[in-house]
Protein backbone atom coordinates (compact mmCIF):
# COMPACT_ATOMS: atom_id res chain seq x y z
CA MET A 1 145.65 45.37 138.98
CA ASN A 2 145.78 46.60 135.39
CA TRP A 3 142.24 45.33 134.76
CA LEU A 4 140.95 47.43 137.65
CA LYS A 5 142.93 50.48 136.58
CA LYS A 6 141.42 50.18 133.09
CA LEU A 7 137.91 50.18 134.55
CA PHE A 8 138.63 53.40 136.44
CA ASN A 9 140.28 55.07 133.46
CA LYS A 10 137.33 54.73 131.07
CA SER A 11 136.65 58.45 131.22
CA PRO A 12 139.29 61.18 130.89
CA GLN A 13 140.91 62.38 134.09
CA GLN A 14 139.72 65.76 135.31
CA ASP A 15 142.88 66.55 137.28
CA ASP A 16 146.58 66.71 136.56
CA ARG A 17 147.27 63.31 138.08
CA ASP A 18 149.54 60.93 136.17
CA THR A 19 147.01 58.25 135.20
CA ALA A 20 149.79 55.72 134.67
CA GLN A 21 150.38 55.90 138.43
CA SER A 22 146.73 55.94 139.42
CA ASN A 23 144.98 52.94 140.87
CA ALA A 24 141.76 52.12 142.67
CA TYR A 25 143.46 52.19 146.07
CA ASP A 26 144.46 55.82 145.64
CA LEU A 27 141.29 56.86 143.82
CA ILE A 28 138.94 55.70 146.56
CA GLY A 29 140.93 57.10 149.47
CA GLY A 30 143.72 54.68 150.28
CA GLU A 31 144.23 52.92 153.58
CA ARG A 32 141.52 54.78 155.48
CA THR A 33 138.80 53.85 152.97
CA ILE A 34 139.95 50.24 152.65
CA ARG A 35 139.93 49.88 156.44
CA LEU A 36 136.39 51.32 156.54
CA ILE A 37 135.20 48.86 153.91
CA ALA A 38 136.48 45.93 155.99
CA GLN A 39 134.99 47.40 159.18
CA TYR A 40 131.60 48.11 157.63
CA PHE A 41 131.55 44.69 155.94
CA TYR A 42 131.84 42.87 159.24
CA GLN A 43 129.38 45.23 160.93
CA GLN A 44 126.86 44.33 158.24
CA MET A 45 127.52 40.62 158.64
CA ARG A 46 127.09 40.79 162.42
CA ASN A 47 124.00 42.99 162.41
CA ARG A 48 121.87 41.69 159.55
CA GLU A 49 119.44 38.84 160.17
CA ASP A 50 119.78 37.70 156.55
CA THR A 51 123.56 37.11 156.82
CA GLN A 52 123.77 34.97 159.94
CA GLU A 53 124.54 31.84 157.92
CA LEU A 54 127.58 33.62 156.49
CA LEU A 55 128.59 34.89 159.92
CA ALA A 56 128.46 31.35 161.30
CA ILE A 57 131.28 30.10 159.04
CA HIS A 58 133.68 32.84 160.19
CA ARG A 59 136.07 32.01 162.97
CA ALA A 60 136.17 34.10 166.10
CA PRO A 61 137.50 36.60 166.74
CA LEU A 62 136.07 38.47 163.78
CA ALA A 63 138.70 41.18 164.24
CA ASP A 64 141.22 38.76 162.70
CA SER A 65 139.02 38.19 159.66
CA GLU A 66 138.41 41.92 159.36
CA GLN A 67 142.16 42.59 159.41
CA LYS A 68 142.78 39.93 156.76
CA LEU A 69 140.05 41.42 154.55
CA PHE A 70 141.65 44.85 154.92
CA GLU A 71 145.08 43.45 154.04
CA PHE A 72 143.74 41.56 151.04
CA LEU A 73 141.73 44.50 149.69
CA SER A 74 144.73 46.79 150.12
CA GLY A 75 146.83 44.79 147.67
CA TRP A 76 143.96 43.74 145.42
CA LEU A 77 143.01 47.38 144.85
CA GLY A 78 146.57 48.45 144.06
CA GLY A 79 147.92 49.46 147.46
CA PRO A 80 150.52 47.82 149.68
CA GLN A 81 150.56 44.03 149.39
CA LEU A 82 149.92 43.57 153.11
CA TYR A 83 148.24 40.19 152.85
CA GLN A 84 151.01 38.68 150.75
CA GLN A 85 153.67 40.06 153.08
CA LYS A 86 152.07 38.33 156.08
CA HIS A 87 150.40 35.24 154.66
CA GLY A 88 151.81 34.59 151.19
CA HIS A 89 149.77 34.44 148.00
CA PRO A 90 146.04 34.82 148.73
CA ALA A 91 145.04 31.67 146.76
CA LEU A 92 141.45 32.65 147.52
CA ARG A 93 139.72 29.71 145.94
CA ALA A 94 141.92 27.20 147.76
CA ARG A 95 141.50 29.02 151.07
CA HIS A 96 137.72 28.97 150.70
CA MET A 97 137.41 25.32 149.60
CA PRO A 98 136.83 23.97 153.13
CA PHE A 99 133.58 25.95 153.25
CA ASP A 100 130.38 25.14 151.38
CA ILE A 101 129.87 28.29 149.34
CA ASP A 102 126.66 28.21 147.35
CA GLN A 103 124.79 31.06 145.67
CA THR A 104 123.07 31.93 148.95
CA MET A 105 126.43 32.43 150.66
CA VAL A 106 127.73 34.47 147.72
CA ASP A 107 124.61 36.63 147.85
CA GLN A 108 124.98 37.16 151.61
CA TRP A 109 128.62 38.14 151.18
CA LEU A 110 127.75 40.53 148.35
CA THR A 111 124.95 42.09 150.40
CA CYS A 112 127.42 42.96 153.15
CA MET A 113 130.07 44.14 150.70
CA GLU A 114 127.66 46.28 148.70
CA GLN A 115 126.57 48.09 151.86
CA ALA A 116 130.17 48.50 153.05
CA ILE A 117 131.28 49.92 149.71
CA ALA A 118 128.32 52.31 149.56
CA LYS A 119 129.10 53.58 153.04
CA ALA A 120 132.90 53.86 152.67
CA ILE A 121 133.41 55.07 149.09
CA LYS A 122 132.17 58.55 148.23
CA LYS A 123 131.83 58.52 144.42
CA PRO A 124 129.03 56.39 142.98
CA GLU A 125 131.06 55.56 139.87
CA HIS A 126 133.85 54.17 142.08
CA GLN A 127 131.31 52.24 144.16
CA GLN A 128 129.94 50.67 140.99
CA VAL A 129 133.32 49.63 139.58
CA ILE A 130 134.57 48.18 142.85
CA PHE A 131 131.32 46.31 143.46
CA GLN A 132 131.37 44.90 139.93
CA ALA A 133 134.91 43.63 140.50
CA VAL A 134 134.20 42.09 143.93
CA SER A 135 131.04 40.49 142.52
CA GLN A 136 133.15 38.58 140.00
CA LEU A 137 135.57 37.63 142.74
CA ALA A 138 132.78 36.43 145.05
CA ASN A 139 131.13 34.38 142.33
CA ASN A 140 134.44 32.67 141.65
CA MET A 141 134.47 31.43 145.26
CA ARG A 142 131.27 29.45 144.76
CA ASN A 143 132.06 25.74 145.08
CA LYS A 144 128.61 24.22 145.61
CA ASP A 145 125.36 24.30 143.63
């Protein structure tokens, strides 16, 4: 999480918060915001015509996937390590290997995530940093040309 904290701390803090204790999870609104990101992400995936291929590889019920995304993002952004507590280490690449993830799938995932982040996170600078970080993560899941 230090890499993400460094991205957020590029500019001086405008409040009296101890920046050593700050993290993305707290800065963007904690549990409520993370839950909204997961909710909006799956709404986008269900409702967009251009993400139906991505939707098709998700197991039903989607509420389970949404909960896992929330739990993962919670820990990944510096909050409670909910995913690890329930499921062990995320091992994202290994967990995604059974699926053919090409650039089209990455782009579909990023489309949904970009919209979810824009809707859930208030500050544009936080939106940008989080999206940049998840873009790197998503591109690392690609396992097919």
